[in-house]
């Protein structure tokens, strides 16, 4: 597996706090179902951008872990 086929799990988001603020702002005023739909669309948009099924499968596995579980 090449490095481009490996999910990045370390901090890698440029201006992460600003992105988090943007994410919260995008959800402002939405109902729970509207917010859930926004999240689903965002996942699909980002999955399309990533494009590689191997990386997406790694992301699904990482997201399914309990917060206390180790990814190694």
C-alpha atoms as a PDB file:
ATOM      1  CA  UNK A   1       0.000   0.000   0.000  1.00  0.00           C
ATOM      2  CA  UNK A   2       1.464   3.360  -1.009  1.00  0.00           C
ATOM      3  CA  UNK A   3       1.321   6.422   1.203  1.00  0.00           C
ATOM      4  CA  UNK A   4      -1.413   7.873  -1.026  1.00  0.00           C
ATOM      5  CA  UNK A   5      -3.493   4.788  -0.220  1.00  0.00           C
ATOM      6  CA  UNK A   6      -3.245   5.361   3.538  1.00  0.00           C
ATOM      7  CA  UNK A   7      -5.793   7.347   5.533  1.00  0.00           C
ATOM      8  CA  UNK A   8      -4.247  10.268   7.422  1.00  0.00           C
ATOM      9  CA  UNK A   9      -5.308  10.079  11.077  1.00  0.00           C
ATOM     10  CA  UNK A  10      -2.960  12.729  12.485  1.00  0.00           C
ATOM     11  CA  UNK A  11      -3.874  16.426  12.559  1.00  0.00           C
ATOM     12  CA  UNK A  12      -3.860  17.575   8.931  1.00  0.00           C
ATOM     13  CA  UNK A  13      -6.566  20.235   8.596  1.00  0.00           C
ATOM     14  CA  UNK A  14      -5.436  23.726   7.695  1.00  0.00           C
ATOM     15  CA  UNK A  15      -6.888  26.211  10.203  1.00  0.00           C
ATOM     16  CA  UNK A  16      -8.918  23.473  11.899  1.00  0.00           C
ATOM     17  CA  UNK A  17     -10.589  25.835  14.382  1.00  0.00           C
ATOM     18  CA  UNK A  18     -11.821  28.033  11.540  1.00  0.00           C
ATOM     19  CA  UNK A  19     -13.185  24.989   9.700  1.00  0.00           C
ATOM     20  CA  UNK A  20     -14.983  23.857  12.865  1.00  0.00           C
ATOM     21  CA  UNK A  21     -16.544  27.320  13.191  1.00  0.00           C
ATOM     22  CA  UNK A  22     -17.625  27.154   9.528  1.00  0.00           C
ATOM     23  CA  UNK A  23     -19.136  23.711  10.121  1.00  0.00           C
ATOM     24  CA  UNK A  24     -21.102  24.930  13.130  1.00  0.00           C
ATOM     25  CA  UNK A  25     -22.286  27.976  11.169  1.00  0.00           C
ATOM     26  CA  UNK A  26     -23.506  25.729   8.345  1.00  0.00           C
ATOM     27  CA  UNK A  27     -25.714  23.901  10.862  1.00  0.00           C
ATOM     28  CA  UNK A  28     -27.040  27.028  12.546  1.00  0.00           C
ATOM     29  CA  UNK A  29     -30.830  27.259  12.432  1.00  0.00           C
ATOM     30  CA  UNK A  30     -31.290  23.755  10.996  1.00  0.00           C
ATOM     31  CA  UNK A  31     -33.578  21.153  12.478  1.00  0.00           C
ATOM     32  CA  UNK A  32     -32.089  17.833  13.551  1.00  0.00           C
ATOM     33  CA  UNK A  33     -33.186  16.157  10.309  1.00  0.00           C
ATOM     34  CA  UNK A  34     -31.852  19.040   8.194  1.00  0.00           C
ATOM     35  CA  UNK A  35     -28.558  18.897  10.099  1.00  0.00           C
ATOM     36  CA  UNK A  36     -28.320  15.129   9.591  1.00  0.00           C
ATOM     37  CA  UNK A  37     -28.989  15.605   5.868  1.00  0.00           C
ATOM     38  CA  UNK A  38     -26.280  18.282   5.655  1.00  0.00           C
ATOM     39  CA  UNK A  39     -23.824  15.902   7.334  1.00  0.00           C
ATOM     40  CA  UNK A  40     -24.746  13.117   4.923  1.00  0.00           C
ATOM     41  CA  UNK A  41     -24.257  15.376   1.899  1.00  0.00           C
ATOM     42  CA  UNK A  42     -20.938  16.605   3.295  1.00  0.00           C
ATOM     43  CA  UNK A  43     -19.725  13.012   3.749  1.00  0.00           C
ATOM     44  CA  UNK A  44     -20.648  12.206   0.151  1.00  0.00           C
ATOM     45  CA  UNK A  45     -18.983  15.349  -1.218  1.00  0.00           C
ATOM     46  CA  UNK A  46     -15.775  14.620   0.708  1.00  0.00           C
ATOM     47  CA  UNK A  47     -15.882  10.917  -0.227  1.00  0.00           C
ATOM     48  CA  UNK A  48     -16.137  11.943  -3.874  1.00  0.00           C
ATOM     49  CA  UNK A  49     -13.140  14.238  -3.428  1.00  0.00           C
ATOM     50  CA  UNK A  50     -11.079  11.445  -1.831  1.00  0.00           C
ATOM     51  CA  UNK A  51     -12.209   9.033  -4.495  1.00  0.00           C
ATOM     52  CA  UNK A  52     -10.132   6.012  -3.488  1.00  0.00           C
ATOM     53  CA  UNK A  53     -12.242   3.179  -2.138  1.00  0.00           C
ATOM     54  CA  UNK A  54      -9.356   1.787  -0.049  1.00  0.00           C
ATOM     55  CA  UNK A  55      -9.026   5.091   1.809  1.00  0.00           C
ATOM     56  CA  UNK A  56     -12.787   5.393   2.220  1.00  0.00           C
ATOM     57  CA  UNK A  57     -12.920   1.890   3.729  1.00  0.00           C
ATOM     58  CA  UNK A  58     -10.167   2.891   6.173  1.00  0.00           C
ATOM     59  CA  UNK A  59     -12.158   6.001   7.084  1.00  0.00           C
ATOM     60  CA  UNK A  60     -15.295   3.942   7.720  1.00  0.00           C
ATOM     61  CA  UNK A  61     -13.332   1.584   9.962  1.00  0.00           C
ATOM     62  CA  UNK A  62     -11.731   4.482  11.855  1.00  0.00           C
ATOM     63  CA  UNK A  63     -15.086   6.213  12.349  1.00  0.00           C
ATOM     64  CA  UNK A  64     -16.642   2.976  13.638  1.00  0.00           C
ATOM     65  CA  UNK A  65     -14.073   2.630  16.437  1.00  0.00           C
ATOM     66  CA  UNK A  66     -15.098   3.400  19.985  1.00  0.00           C
ATOM     67  CA  UNK A  67     -13.344   6.610  21.186  1.00  0.00           C
ATOM     68  CA  UNK A  68     -11.127   4.563  23.531  1.00  0.00           C
ATOM     69  CA  UNK A  69     -10.005   2.051  20.887  1.00  0.00           C
ATOM     70  CA  UNK A  70      -6.589   2.205  19.289  1.00  0.00           C
ATOM     71  CA  UNK A  71      -6.329   2.343  15.480  1.00  0.00           C
ATOM     72  CA  UNK A  72      -3.151   0.225  15.413  1.00  0.00           C
END
